[in-house]
Full PDB file with SEQRES, HELIX, SHEET, SSBOND, CRYST1, ORIGX, SCALE, CONECT and MASTER records, all heavy atoms in Angstrom:
SEQRES   1 A   36  ILE GLY PHE SER PHE GLU LYS THR SER HIS SER LEU THR          
SEQRES   2 A   36  LEU LEU PRO ALA LYS HIS LEU ASN PRO PHE GLU ILE ILE          
SEQRES   3 A   36  THR THR GLU TYR PRO GLY PHE PRO THR ASP                      
SHEET    1 AA1 2 SER A   4  LYS A   7  0                                        
SHEET    2 AA1 2 LEU A  12  LEU A  15 -1                                        
CRYST1    1.000    1.000    1.000  90.00  90.00  90.00 P 1           1          
ORIGX1      1.000000  0.000000  0.000000        0.00000                         
ORIGX2      0.000000  1.000000  0.000000        0.00000                         
ORIGX3      0.000000  0.000000  1.000000        0.00000                         
SCALE1      1.000000  0.000000  0.000000        0.00000                         
SCALE2      0.000000  1.000000  0.000000        0.00000                         
SCALE3      0.000000  0.000000  1.000000        0.00000                         
ATOM      1  N   ILE A   1       5.046  -8.727 -26.785  1.00  0.00           N  
ATOM      2  CA  ILE A   1       6.462  -8.353 -26.858  1.00  0.00           C  
ATOM      3  C   ILE A   1       7.211  -8.804 -25.596  1.00  0.00           C  
ATOM      4  O   ILE A   1       8.414  -9.053 -25.635  1.00  0.00           O  
ATOM      5  CB  ILE A   1       6.592  -6.823 -27.076  1.00  0.00           C  
ATOM      6  CG1 ILE A   1       6.081  -6.457 -28.477  1.00  0.00           C  
ATOM      7  CG2 ILE A   1       8.035  -6.333 -26.916  1.00  0.00           C  
ATOM      8  CD1 ILE A   1       5.896  -4.973 -28.719  1.00  0.00           C  
ATOM      9  N   GLY A   2       6.476  -8.938 -24.464  1.00  0.00           N  
ATOM     10  CA  GLY A   2       7.123  -9.434 -23.246  1.00  0.00           C  
ATOM     11  C   GLY A   2       6.818  -8.647 -21.987  1.00  0.00           C  
ATOM     12  O   GLY A   2       7.288  -8.998 -20.903  1.00  0.00           O  
ATOM     13  N   PHE A   3       6.019  -7.599 -22.097  1.00  0.00           N  
ATOM     14  CA  PHE A   3       5.704  -6.756 -20.939  1.00  0.00           C  
ATOM     15  C   PHE A   3       4.479  -7.285 -20.196  1.00  0.00           C  
ATOM     16  O   PHE A   3       3.685  -8.057 -20.737  1.00  0.00           O  
ATOM     17  CB  PHE A   3       5.460  -5.304 -21.384  1.00  0.00           C  
ATOM     18  CG  PHE A   3       6.673  -4.662 -21.980  1.00  0.00           C  
ATOM     19  CD1 PHE A   3       6.889  -4.682 -23.349  1.00  0.00           C  
ATOM     20  CD2 PHE A   3       7.633  -4.067 -21.170  1.00  0.00           C  
ATOM     21  CE1 PHE A   3       8.021  -4.121 -23.907  1.00  0.00           C  
ATOM     22  CE2 PHE A   3       8.770  -3.492 -21.708  1.00  0.00           C  
ATOM     23  CZ  PHE A   3       8.969  -3.526 -23.079  1.00  0.00           C  
ATOM     24  N   SER A   4       4.339  -6.861 -18.952  1.00  0.00           N  
ATOM     25  CA  SER A   4       3.133  -7.186 -18.189  1.00  0.00           C  
ATOM     26  C   SER A   4       2.619  -5.912 -17.530  1.00  0.00           C  
ATOM     27  O   SER A   4       3.297  -4.872 -17.537  1.00  0.00           O  
ATOM     28  CB  SER A   4       3.416  -8.280 -17.148  1.00  0.00           C  
ATOM     29  OG  SER A   4       4.515  -7.914 -16.333  1.00  0.00           O  
ATOM     30  N   PHE A   5       1.424  -6.001 -16.934  1.00  0.00           N  
ATOM     31  CA  PHE A   5       0.756  -4.802 -16.424  1.00  0.00           C  
ATOM     32  C   PHE A   5       0.117  -5.042 -15.065  1.00  0.00           C  
ATOM     33  O   PHE A   5      -0.283  -6.158 -14.747  1.00  0.00           O  
ATOM     34  CB  PHE A   5      -0.355  -4.352 -17.404  1.00  0.00           C  
ATOM     35  CG  PHE A   5       0.159  -3.937 -18.741  1.00  0.00           C  
ATOM     36  CD1 PHE A   5       0.215  -4.848 -19.791  1.00  0.00           C  
ATOM     37  CD2 PHE A   5       0.595  -2.642 -18.963  1.00  0.00           C  
ATOM     38  CE1 PHE A   5       0.697  -4.470 -21.029  1.00  0.00           C  
ATOM     39  CE2 PHE A   5       1.076  -2.251 -20.198  1.00  0.00           C  
ATOM     40  CZ  PHE A   5       1.122  -3.167 -21.239  1.00  0.00           C  
ATOM     41  N   GLU A   6       0.023  -3.964 -14.314  1.00  0.00           N  
ATOM     42  CA  GLU A   6      -0.836  -3.925 -13.129  1.00  0.00           C  
ATOM     43  C   GLU A   6      -1.912  -2.878 -13.417  1.00  0.00           C  
ATOM     44  O   GLU A   6      -1.593  -1.742 -13.779  1.00  0.00           O  
ATOM     45  CB  GLU A   6      -0.038  -3.538 -11.878  1.00  0.00           C  
ATOM     46  CG  GLU A   6       0.874  -4.644 -11.377  1.00  0.00           C  
ATOM     47  CD  GLU A   6       1.726  -4.202 -10.193  1.00  0.00           C  
ATOM     48  OE1 GLU A   6       1.629  -3.010  -9.800  1.00  0.00           O  
ATOM     49  OE2 GLU A   6       2.498  -5.030  -9.676  1.00  0.00           O  
ATOM     50  N   LYS A   7      -3.180  -3.274 -13.265  1.00  0.00           N  
ATOM     51  CA  LYS A   7      -4.272  -2.367 -13.623  1.00  0.00           C  
ATOM     52  C   LYS A   7      -5.173  -2.091 -12.430  1.00  0.00           C  
ATOM     53  O   LYS A   7      -5.423  -2.976 -11.611  1.00  0.00           O  
ATOM     54  CB  LYS A   7      -5.132  -2.995 -14.743  1.00  0.00           C  
ATOM     55  CG  LYS A   7      -4.379  -3.267 -16.030  1.00  0.00           C  
ATOM     56  CD  LYS A   7      -5.273  -3.938 -17.067  1.00  0.00           C  
ATOM     57  CE  LYS A   7      -4.461  -4.288 -18.328  1.00  0.00           C  
ATOM     58  NZ  LYS A   7      -5.283  -4.953 -19.364  1.00  0.00           N  
ATOM     59  N   THR A   8      -5.643  -0.833 -12.335  1.00  0.00           N  
ATOM     60  CA  THR A   8      -6.749  -0.497 -11.442  1.00  0.00           C  
ATOM     61  C   THR A   8      -7.843   0.112 -12.333  1.00  0.00           C  
ATOM     62  O   THR A   8      -7.689   0.152 -13.556  1.00  0.00           O  
ATOM     63  CB  THR A   8      -6.347   0.505 -10.346  1.00  0.00           C  
ATOM     64  OG1 THR A   8      -6.114   1.784 -10.954  1.00  0.00           O  
ATOM     65  CG2 THR A   8      -5.083   0.059  -9.616  1.00  0.00           C  
ATOM     66  N   SER A   9      -8.899   0.627 -11.732  1.00  0.00           N  
ATOM     67  CA  SER A   9     -10.001   1.139 -12.552  1.00  0.00           C  
ATOM     68  C   SER A   9      -9.568   2.308 -13.445  1.00  0.00           C  
ATOM     69  O   SER A   9     -10.072   2.462 -14.555  1.00  0.00           O  
ATOM     70  CB  SER A   9     -11.176   1.548 -11.673  1.00  0.00           C  
ATOM     71  OG  SER A   9     -10.758   2.479 -10.697  1.00  0.00           O  
ATOM     72  N   HIS A  10      -8.636   3.157 -12.974  1.00  0.00           N  
ATOM     73  CA  HIS A  10      -8.238   4.320 -13.784  1.00  0.00           C  
ATOM     74  C   HIS A  10      -6.726   4.481 -13.905  1.00  0.00           C  
ATOM     75  O   HIS A  10      -6.246   5.558 -14.262  1.00  0.00           O  
ATOM     76  CB  HIS A  10      -8.840   5.603 -13.205  1.00  0.00           C  
ATOM     77  CG  HIS A  10     -10.333   5.644 -13.300  1.00  0.00           C  
ATOM     78  ND1 HIS A  10     -10.997   5.707 -14.503  1.00  0.00           N  
ATOM     79  CD2 HIS A  10     -11.292   5.602 -12.350  1.00  0.00           C  
ATOM     80  CE1 HIS A  10     -12.304   5.707 -14.294  1.00  0.00           C  
ATOM     81  NE2 HIS A  10     -12.510   5.641 -12.993  1.00  0.00           N  
ATOM     82  N   SER A  11      -5.962   3.427 -13.586  1.00  0.00           N  
ATOM     83  CA  SER A  11      -4.503   3.528 -13.744  1.00  0.00           C  
ATOM     84  C   SER A  11      -3.958   2.253 -14.380  1.00  0.00           C  
ATOM     85  O   SER A  11      -4.617   1.209 -14.383  1.00  0.00           O  
ATOM     86  CB  SER A  11      -3.815   3.789 -12.397  1.00  0.00           C  
ATOM     87  OG  SER A  11      -3.743   2.602 -11.635  1.00  0.00           O  
ATOM     88  N   LEU A  12      -2.753   2.381 -14.911  1.00  0.00           N  
ATOM     89  CA  LEU A  12      -2.115   1.263 -15.606  1.00  0.00           C  
ATOM     90  C   LEU A  12      -0.608   1.374 -15.400  1.00  0.00           C  
ATOM     91  O   LEU A  12      -0.013   2.401 -15.707  1.00  0.00           O  
ATOM     92  CB  LEU A  12      -2.452   1.337 -17.105  1.00  0.00           C  
ATOM     93  CG  LEU A  12      -1.876   0.269 -18.026  1.00  0.00           C  
ATOM     94  CD1 LEU A  12      -2.425  -1.103 -17.674  1.00  0.00           C  
ATOM     95  CD2 LEU A  12      -2.207   0.608 -19.479  1.00  0.00           C  
ATOM     96  N   THR A  13      -0.002   0.320 -14.851  1.00  0.00           N  
ATOM     97  CA  THR A  13       1.444   0.313 -14.630  1.00  0.00           C  
ATOM     98  C   THR A  13       2.091  -0.701 -15.555  1.00  0.00           C  
ATOM     99  O   THR A  13       1.688  -1.875 -15.599  1.00  0.00           O  
ATOM    100  CB  THR A  13       1.784  -0.027 -13.165  1.00  0.00           C  
ATOM    101  OG1 THR A  13       1.218   0.981 -12.312  1.00  0.00           O  
ATOM    102  CG2 THR A  13       3.299  -0.061 -12.940  1.00  0.00           C  
ATOM    103  N   LEU A  14       3.085  -0.239 -16.318  1.00  0.00           N  
ATOM    104  CA  LEU A  14       3.866  -1.103 -17.205  1.00  0.00           C  
ATOM    105  C   LEU A  14       5.006  -1.721 -16.413  1.00  0.00           C  
ATOM    106  O   LEU A  14       5.741  -1.006 -15.718  1.00  0.00           O  
ATOM    107  CB  LEU A  14       4.427  -0.265 -18.363  1.00  0.00           C  
ATOM    108  CG  LEU A  14       5.360  -0.978 -19.346  1.00  0.00           C  
ATOM    109  CD1 LEU A  14       4.558  -1.827 -20.324  1.00  0.00           C  
ATOM    110  CD2 LEU A  14       6.216   0.034 -20.121  1.00  0.00           C  
ATOM    111  N   LEU A  15       5.152  -3.048 -16.503  1.00  0.00           N  
ATOM    112  CA  LEU A  15       6.242  -3.751 -15.814  1.00  0.00           C  
ATOM    113  C   LEU A  15       7.255  -4.232 -16.850  1.00  0.00           C  
ATOM    114  O   LEU A  15       6.870  -4.695 -17.932  1.00  0.00           O  
ATOM    115  CB  LEU A  15       5.693  -4.937 -15.014  1.00  0.00           C  
ATOM    116  CG  LEU A  15       4.621  -4.565 -13.970  1.00  0.00           C  
ATOM    117  CD1 LEU A  15       4.007  -5.807 -13.356  1.00  0.00           C  
ATOM    118  CD2 LEU A  15       5.212  -3.660 -12.889  1.00  0.00           C  
ATOM    119  N   PRO A  16       8.558  -4.124 -16.541  1.00  0.00           N  
ATOM    120  CA  PRO A  16       9.595  -4.427 -17.541  1.00  0.00           C  
ATOM    121  C   PRO A  16       9.530  -5.866 -18.057  1.00  0.00           C  
ATOM    122  O   PRO A  16       8.982  -6.758 -17.407  1.00  0.00           O  
ATOM    123  CB  PRO A  16      10.904  -4.168 -16.786  1.00  0.00           C  
ATOM    124  CG  PRO A  16      10.524  -3.260 -15.670  1.00  0.00           C  
ATOM    125  CD  PRO A  16       9.134  -3.631 -15.288  1.00  0.00           C  
ATOM    126  N   ALA A  17      10.110  -6.062 -19.246  1.00  0.00           N  
ATOM    127  CA  ALA A  17      10.163  -7.386 -19.883  1.00  0.00           C  
ATOM    128  C   ALA A  17      11.540  -8.007 -19.694  1.00  0.00           C  
ATOM    129  O   ALA A  17      12.540  -7.288 -19.570  1.00  0.00           O  
ATOM    130  CB  ALA A  17       9.862  -7.237 -21.374  1.00  0.00           C  
ATOM    131  N   LYS A  18      11.602  -9.348 -19.675  1.00  0.00           N  
ATOM    132  CA  LYS A  18      12.910 -10.034 -19.633  1.00  0.00           C  
ATOM    133  C   LYS A  18      13.588  -9.945 -20.997  1.00  0.00           C  
ATOM    134  O   LYS A  18      14.784  -9.724 -21.112  1.00  0.00           O  
ATOM    135  CB  LYS A  18      12.717 -11.501 -19.225  1.00  0.00           C  
ATOM    136  CG  LYS A  18      12.308 -11.698 -17.766  1.00  0.00           C  
ATOM    137  CD  LYS A  18      12.308 -13.183 -17.398  1.00  0.00           C  
ATOM    138  CE  LYS A  18      12.055 -13.377 -15.914  1.00  0.00           C  
ATOM    139  NZ  LYS A  18      10.702 -12.985 -15.494  1.00  0.00           N  
ATOM    140  N   HIS A  19      12.814 -10.147 -22.040  1.00  0.00           N  
ATOM    141  CA  HIS A  19      13.297 -10.004 -23.425  1.00  0.00           C  
ATOM    142  C   HIS A  19      12.246  -9.246 -24.209  1.00  0.00           C  
ATOM    143  O   HIS A  19      11.053  -9.374 -23.930  1.00  0.00           O  
ATOM    144  CB  HIS A  19      13.506 -11.374 -24.093  1.00  0.00           C  
ATOM    145  CG  HIS A  19      14.462 -12.265 -23.362  1.00  0.00           C  
ATOM    146  ND1 HIS A  19      15.820 -12.080 -23.410  1.00  0.00           N  
ATOM    147  CD2 HIS A  19      14.240 -13.337 -22.561  1.00  0.00           C  
ATOM    148  CE1 HIS A  19      16.402 -13.005 -22.663  1.00  0.00           C  
ATOM    149  NE2 HIS A  19      15.469 -13.775 -22.131  1.00  0.00           N  
ATOM    150  N   LEU A  20      12.686  -8.500 -25.230  1.00  0.00           N  
ATOM    151  CA  LEU A  20      11.737  -7.812 -26.109  1.00  0.00           C  
ATOM    152  C   LEU A  20      11.593  -8.630 -27.391  1.00  0.00           C  
ATOM    153  O   LEU A  20      12.498  -8.673 -28.221  1.00  0.00           O  
ATOM    154  CB  LEU A  20      12.216  -6.388 -26.423  1.00  0.00           C  
ATOM    155  CG  LEU A  20      11.763  -5.291 -25.449  1.00  0.00           C  
ATOM    156  CD1 LEU A  20      12.280  -5.530 -24.053  1.00  0.00           C  
ATOM    157  CD2 LEU A  20      12.190  -3.920 -25.942  1.00  0.00           C  
ATOM    158  N   ASN A  21      10.452  -9.332 -27.516  1.00  0.00           N  
ATOM    159  CA  ASN A  21      10.218 -10.195 -28.669  1.00  0.00           C  
ATOM    160  C   ASN A  21       9.783  -9.380 -29.878  1.00  0.00           C  
ATOM    161  O   ASN A  21       9.070  -8.383 -29.737  1.00  0.00           O  
ATOM    162  CB  ASN A  21       9.108 -11.210 -28.350  1.00  0.00           C  
ATOM    163  CG  ASN A  21       9.414 -12.025 -27.117  1.00  0.00           C  
ATOM    164  OD1 ASN A  21      10.509 -12.559 -26.984  1.00  0.00           O  
ATOM    165  ND2 ASN A  21       8.457 -12.123 -26.206  1.00  0.00           N  
ATOM    166  N   PRO A  22      10.180  -9.809 -31.086  1.00  0.00           N  
ATOM    167  CA  PRO A  22       9.684  -9.132 -32.291  1.00  0.00           C  
ATOM    168  C   PRO A  22       8.189  -9.396 -32.453  1.00  0.00           C  
ATOM    169  O   PRO A  22       7.621 -10.287 -31.815  1.00  0.00           O  
ATOM    170  CB  PRO A  22      10.502  -9.762 -33.418  1.00  0.00           C  
ATOM    171  CG  PRO A  22      10.897 -11.107 -32.894  1.00  0.00           C  
ATOM    172  CD  PRO A  22      11.048 -10.952 -31.409  1.00  0.00           C  
ATOM    173  N   PHE A  23       7.538  -8.639 -33.332  1.00  0.00           N  
ATOM    174  CA  PHE A  23       6.075  -8.725 -33.430  1.00  0.00           C  
ATOM    175  C   PHE A  23       5.615  -8.394 -34.843  1.00  0.00           C  
ATOM    176  O   PHE A  23       6.378  -7.884 -35.666  1.00  0.00           O  
ATOM    177  CB  PHE A  23       5.425  -7.755 -32.436  1.00  0.00           C  
ATOM    178  CG  PHE A  23       5.852  -6.320 -32.620  1.00  0.00           C  
ATOM    179  CD1 PHE A  23       5.185  -5.480 -33.508  1.00  0.00           C  
ATOM    180  CD2 PHE A  23       6.954  -5.812 -31.922  1.00  0.00           C  
ATOM    181  CE1 PHE A  23       5.594  -4.172 -33.692  1.00  0.00           C  
ATOM    182  CE2 PHE A  23       7.371  -4.490 -32.103  1.00  0.00           C  
ATOM    183  CZ  PHE A  23       6.688  -3.675 -32.995  1.00  0.00           C  
ATOM    184  N   GLU A  24       4.349  -8.693 -35.088  1.00  0.00           N  
ATOM    185  CA  GLU A  24       3.700  -8.293 -36.342  1.00  0.00           C  
ATOM    186  C   GLU A  24       2.457  -7.486 -36.008  1.00  0.00           C  
ATOM    187  O   GLU A  24       1.744  -7.794 -35.058  1.00  0.00           O  
ATOM    188  CB  GLU A  24       3.307  -9.526 -37.170  1.00  0.00           C  
ATOM    189  CG  GLU A  24       4.506 -10.262 -37.730  1.00  0.00           C  
ATOM    190  CD  GLU A  24       4.108 -11.379 -38.691  1.00  0.00           C  
ATOM    191  OE1 GLU A  24       2.901 -11.481 -39.019  1.00  0.00           O  
ATOM    192  OE2 GLU A  24       5.006 -12.147 -39.100  1.00  0.00           O  
ATOM    193  N   ILE A  25       2.234  -6.426 -36.795  1.00  0.00           N  
ATOM    194  CA  ILE A  25       1.067  -5.562 -36.593  1.00  0.00           C  
ATOM    195  C   ILE A  25       0.373  -5.356 -37.931  1.00  0.00           C  
ATOM    196  O   ILE A  25       1.033  -5.138 -38.961  1.00  0.00           O  
ATOM    197  CB  ILE A  25       1.486  -4.180 -36.015  1.00  0.00           C  
ATOM    198  CG1 ILE A  25       1.743  -4.269 -34.511  1.00  0.00           C  
ATOM    199  CG2 ILE A  25       0.438  -3.111 -36.313  1.00  0.00           C  
ATOM    200  CD1 ILE A  25       2.316  -2.999 -33.917  1.00  0.00           C  
ATOM    201  N   ILE A  26      -0.952  -5.431 -37.911  1.00  0.00           N  
ATOM    202  CA  ILE A  26      -1.761  -4.971 -39.040  1.00  0.00           C  
ATOM    203  C   ILE A  26      -2.691  -3.900 -38.484  1.00  0.00           C  
ATOM    204  O   ILE A  26      -3.466  -4.156 -37.557  1.00  0.00           O  
ATOM    205  CB  ILE A  26      -2.597  -6.117 -39.654  1.00  0.00           C  
ATOM    206  CG1 ILE A  26      -1.675  -7.214 -40.196  1.00  0.00           C  
ATOM    207  CG2 ILE A  26      -3.506  -5.585 -40.750  1.00  0.00           C  
ATOM    208  CD1 ILE A  26      -2.408  -8.470 -40.648  1.00  0.00           C  
ATOM    209  N   THR A  27      -2.601  -2.687 -39.010  1.00  0.00           N  
ATOM    210  CA  THR A  27      -3.472  -1.614 -38.505  1.00  0.00           C  
ATOM    211  C   THR A  27      -4.870  -1.794 -39.079  1.00  0.00           C  
ATOM    212  O   THR A  27      -5.042  -2.056 -40.272  1.00  0.00           O  
ATOM    213  CB  THR A  27      -2.947  -0.213 -38.889  1.00  0.00           C  
ATOM    214  OG1 THR A  27      -2.978  -0.068 -40.307  1.00  0.00           O  
ATOM    215  CG2 THR A  27      -1.528  -0.005 -38.387  1.00  0.00           C  
ATOM    216  N   THR A  28      -5.856  -1.689 -38.208  1.00  0.00           N  
ATOM    217  CA  THR A  28      -7.256  -1.780 -38.638  1.00  0.00           C  
ATOM    218  C   THR A  28      -8.090  -0.820 -37.789  1.00  0.00           C  
ATOM    219  O   THR A  28      -7.586  -0.209 -36.843  1.00  0.00           O  
ATOM    220  CB  THR A  28      -7.832  -3.202 -38.458  1.00  0.00           C  
ATOM    221  OG1 THR A  28      -7.679  -3.594 -37.091  1.00  0.00           O  
ATOM    222  CG2 THR A  28      -7.162  -4.217 -39.352  1.00  0.00           C  
ATOM    223  N   GLU A  29      -9.355  -0.725 -38.127  1.00  0.00           N  
ATOM    224  CA  GLU A  29     -10.260   0.126 -37.357  1.00  0.00           C  
ATOM    225  C   GLU A  29     -10.454  -0.457 -35.953  1.00  0.00           C  
ATOM    226  O   GLU A  29     -10.233  -1.640 -35.724  1.00  0.00           O  
ATOM    227  CB  GLU A  29     -11.627   0.241 -38.061  1.00  0.00           C  
ATOM    228  CG  GLU A  29     -11.577   0.934 -39.412  1.00  0.00           C  
ATOM    229  CD  GLU A  29     -11.245   0.009 -40.568  1.00  0.00           C  
ATOM    230  OE1 GLU A  29     -11.019  -1.209 -40.334  1.00  0.00           O  
ATOM    231  OE2 GLU A  29     -11.207   0.481 -41.720  1.00  0.00           O  
ATOM    232  N   TYR A  30     -10.889   0.381 -35.021  1.00  0.00           N  
ATOM    233  CA  TYR A  30     -11.185  -0.048 -33.656  1.00  0.00           C  
ATOM    234  C   TYR A  30     -12.230  -1.168 -33.701  1.00  0.00           C  
ATOM    235  O   TYR A  30     -13.165  -1.095 -34.478  1.00  0.00           O  
ATOM    236  CB  TYR A  30     -11.726   1.145 -32.855  1.00  0.00           C  
ATOM    237  CG  TYR A  30     -11.885   0.879 -31.384  1.00  0.00           C  
ATOM    238  CD1 TYR A  30     -10.821   1.046 -30.522  1.00  0.00           C  
ATOM    239  CD2 TYR A  30     -13.099   0.443 -30.871  1.00  0.00           C  
ATOM    240  CE1 TYR A  30     -10.965   0.798 -29.166  1.00  0.00           C  
ATOM    241  CE2 TYR A  30     -13.251   0.183 -29.521  1.00  0.00           C  
ATOM    242  CZ  TYR A  30     -12.170   0.366 -28.671  1.00  0.00           C  
ATOM    243  OH  TYR A  30     -12.315   0.105 -27.324  1.00  0.00           O  
ATOM    244  N   PRO A  31     -12.085  -2.233 -32.920  1.00  0.00           N  
ATOM    245  CA  PRO A  31     -11.143  -2.417 -31.803  1.00  0.00           C  
ATOM    246  C   PRO A  31      -9.799  -3.027 -32.188  1.00  0.00           C  
ATOM    247  O   PRO A  31      -9.090  -3.539 -31.332  1.00  0.00           O  
ATOM    248  CB  PRO A  31     -11.924  -3.360 -30.880  1.00  0.00           C  
ATOM    249  CG  PRO A  31     -12.725  -4.202 -31.816  1.00  0.00           C  
ATOM    250  CD  PRO A  31     -13.079  -3.333 -32.985  1.00  0.00           C  
ATOM    251  N   GLY A  32      -9.438  -2.991 -33.483  1.00  0.00           N  
ATOM    252  CA  GLY A  32      -8.138  -3.502 -33.915  1.00  0.00           C  
ATOM    253  C   GLY A  32      -7.006  -2.567 -33.541  1.00  0.00           C  
ATOM    254  O   GLY A  32      -7.197  -1.586 -32.817  1.00  0.00           O  
ATOM    255  N   PHE A  33      -5.809  -2.857 -34.051  1.00  0.00           N  
ATOM    256  CA  PHE A  33      -4.631  -2.060 -33.687  1.00  0.00           C  
ATOM    257  C   PHE A  33      -4.701  -0.692 -34.388  1.00  0.00           C  
ATOM    258  O   PHE A  33      -4.848  -0.619 -35.613  1.00  0.00           O  
ATOM    259  CB  PHE A  33      -3.341  -2.778 -34.076  1.00  0.00           C  
ATOM    260  CG  PHE A  33      -2.129  -2.104 -33.500  1.00  0.00           C  
ATOM    261  CD1 PHE A  33      -1.648  -2.458 -32.249  1.00  0.00           C  
ATOM    262  CD2 PHE A  33      -1.485  -1.069 -34.183  1.00  0.00           C  
ATOM    263  CE1 PHE A  33      -0.555  -1.811 -31.693  1.00  0.00           C  
ATOM    264  CE2 PHE A  33      -0.401  -0.412 -33.631  1.00  0.00           C  
ATOM    265  CZ  PHE A  33       0.069  -0.788 -32.375  1.00  0.00           C  
ATOM    266  N   PRO A  34      -4.589   0.409 -33.622  1.00  0.00           N  
ATOM    267  CA  PRO A  34      -4.811   1.738 -34.218  1.00  0.00           C  
ATOM    268  C   PRO A  34      -3.655   2.213 -35.108  1.00  0.00           C  
ATOM    269  O   PRO A  34      -2.490   2.093 -34.747  1.00  0.00           O  
ATOM    270  CB  PRO A  34      -4.957   2.651 -32.991  1.00  0.00           C  
ATOM    271  CG  PRO A  34      -4.296   1.923 -31.867  1.00  0.00           C  
ATOM    272  CD  PRO A  34      -4.389   0.460 -32.169  1.00  0.00           C  
ATOM    273  N   THR A  35      -4.021   2.754 -36.254  1.00  0.00           N  
ATOM    274  CA  THR A  35      -3.016   3.329 -37.157  1.00  0.00           C  
ATOM    275  C   THR A  35      -2.227   4.442 -36.464  1.00  0.00           C  
ATOM    276  O   THR A  35      -1.052   4.661 -36.768  1.00  0.00           O  
ATOM    277  CB  THR A  35      -3.684   3.845 -38.451  1.00  0.00           C  
ATOM    278  OG1 THR A  35      -2.682   4.382 -39.316  1.00  0.00           O  
ATOM    279  CG2 THR A  35      -4.723   4.920 -38.179  1.00  0.00           C  
ATOM    280  N   ASP A  36      -2.869   5.130 -35.509  1.00  0.00           N  
ATOM    281  CA  ASP A  36      -2.197   6.229 -34.805  1.00  0.00           C  
ATOM    282  C   ASP A  36      -1.109   5.753 -33.841  1.00  0.00           C  
ATOM    283  O   ASP A  36      -0.419   6.568 -33.236  1.00  0.00           O  
ATOM    284  CB  ASP A  36      -3.221   7.075 -34.028  1.00  0.00           C  
ATOM    285  CG  ASP A  36      -3.934   8.083 -34.925  1.00  0.00           C  
ATOM    286  OD1 ASP A  36      -3.537   8.218 -36.096  1.00  0.00           O  
ATOM    287  OD2 ASP A  36      -4.883   8.725 -34.454  1.00  0.00           O  
TER     288      ASP A  36                                                      
MASTER        0    0    0    0    2    0    0    6  287    1    0    3          
END                                                                             
């Protein structure tokens, strides 16, 4: 969608996007995209 991240072993920082791109999702079982 356009976001980026900074990760450590137990933390995650979301960094803003320049544009929010549209997307497609198909929900599937793990490790796929979660229905929840």
